[in-house]
Amino acid sequence: HIIDGIKEAGPVWVYWCFVMERYCGMLQRSITSKLYPYANLNLRILELEQINSI
């Protein structure tokens, strides 16, 4: 079915959302606080960016 998608929509990088879906799934799994999920999420993103900057 990948070949059909390429024929209909062009190169896969135009319409595939795998990278974004993977990132959102990773963020969802990183939320451990039910009381403060947004603060927990902000902290996780900050930690990831600090690691990426090294």
C-alpha atoms as a PDB file:
ATOM      1  CA  HIS A   1       0.000   0.000   0.000  1.00  0.00           C
ATOM      2  CA  ILE A   2       3.016   2.306   0.288  1.00  0.00           C
ATOM      3  CA  ILE A   3       3.460   2.297  -3.474  1.00  0.00           C
ATOM      4  CA  ASP A   4      -0.164   3.358  -3.955  1.00  0.00           C
ATOM      5  CA  GLY A   5       0.334   6.196  -1.474  1.00  0.00           C
ATOM      6  CA  ILE A   6       3.440   7.386  -3.306  1.00  0.00           C
ATOM      7  CA  LYS A   7       1.592   7.326  -6.626  1.00  0.00           C
ATOM      8  CA  GLU A   8      -1.355   9.279  -5.209  1.00  0.00           C
ATOM      9  CA  ALA A   9       0.347  11.804  -2.893  1.00  0.00           C
ATOM     10  CA  GLY A  10       3.975  11.968  -3.957  1.00  0.00           C
ATOM     11  CA  PRO A  11       7.026  11.430  -1.751  1.00  0.00           C
ATOM     12  CA  VAL A  12       6.293   9.974   1.679  1.00  0.00           C
ATOM     13  CA  TRP A  13       7.982  12.839   3.547  1.00  0.00           C
ATOM     14  CA  VAL A  14       5.131  15.059   2.320  1.00  0.00           C
ATOM     15  CA  TYR A  15       2.354  13.206   4.135  1.00  0.00           C
ATOM     16  CA  TRP A  16       3.805  10.786   6.704  1.00  0.00           C
ATOM     17  CA  CYS A  17       3.280  11.833  10.320  1.00  0.00           C
ATOM     18  CA  PHE A  18       5.391   9.088  11.890  1.00  0.00           C
ATOM     19  CA  VAL A  19       7.929  11.426  13.472  1.00  0.00           C
ATOM     20  CA  MET A  20       5.275  13.657  15.051  1.00  0.00           C
ATOM     21  CA  GLU A  21       3.201  10.666  16.216  1.00  0.00           C
ATOM     22  CA  ARG A  22       6.287   9.114  17.784  1.00  0.00           C
ATOM     23  CA  TYR A  23       7.154  12.376  19.563  1.00  0.00           C
ATOM     24  CA  CYS A  24       3.589  12.796  20.876  1.00  0.00           C
ATOM     25  CA  GLY A  25       3.574   9.189  22.086  1.00  0.00           C
ATOM     26  CA  MET A  26       6.856   9.730  23.894  1.00  0.00           C
ATOM     27  CA  LEU A  27       5.490  12.870  25.558  1.00  0.00           C
ATOM     28  CA  GLN A  28       2.300  11.087  26.574  1.00  0.00           C
ATOM     29  CA  ARG A  29       4.284   8.273  28.208  1.00  0.00           C
ATOM     30  CA  SER A  30       6.425  10.792  30.084  1.00  0.00           C
ATOM     31  CA  ILE A  31       3.472  12.295  31.981  1.00  0.00           C
ATOM     32  CA  THR A  32       3.546  10.691  35.413  1.00  0.00           C
ATOM     33  CA  SER A  33       1.682  13.251  37.515  1.00  0.00           C
ATOM     34  CA  LYS A  34      -2.115  13.189  37.467  1.00  0.00           C
ATOM     35  CA  LEU A  35      -2.317  16.316  39.594  1.00  0.00           C
ATOM     36  CA  TYR A  36       0.063  18.491  37.522  1.00  0.00           C
ATOM     37  CA  PRO A  37       0.379  16.897  34.067  1.00  0.00           C
ATOM     38  CA  TYR A  38       1.315  20.139  32.259  1.00  0.00           C
ATOM     39  CA  ALA A  39       4.077  21.005  34.702  1.00  0.00           C
ATOM     40  CA  ASN A  40       5.345  17.436  34.394  1.00  0.00           C
ATOM     41  CA  LEU A  41       5.261  17.678  30.609  1.00  0.00           C
ATOM     42  CA  ASN A  42       7.073  21.035  30.615  1.00  0.00           C
ATOM     43  CA  LEU A  43       9.803  19.593  32.806  1.00  0.00           C
ATOM     44  CA  ARG A  44      10.221  16.567  30.538  1.00  0.00           C
ATOM     45  CA  ILE A  45      10.527  18.726  27.419  1.00  0.00           C
ATOM     46  CA  LEU A  46      13.070  20.935  29.190  1.00  0.00           C
ATOM     47  CA  GLU A  47      15.108  17.869  30.203  1.00  0.00           C
ATOM     48  CA  LEU A  48      15.083  16.519  26.648  1.00  0.00           C
ATOM     49  CA  GLU A  49      16.222  19.842  25.211  1.00  0.00           C
ATOM     50  CA  GLN A  50      18.983  20.138  27.788  1.00  0.00           C
ATOM     51  CA  ILE A  51      20.232  16.689  26.816  1.00  0.00           C
ATOM     52  CA  ASN A  52      20.032  17.590  23.105  1.00  0.00           C
ATOM     53  CA  SER A  53      22.089  20.739  23.646  1.00  0.00           C
ATOM     54  CA  ILE A  54      25.042  18.825  25.102  1.00  0.00           C
END
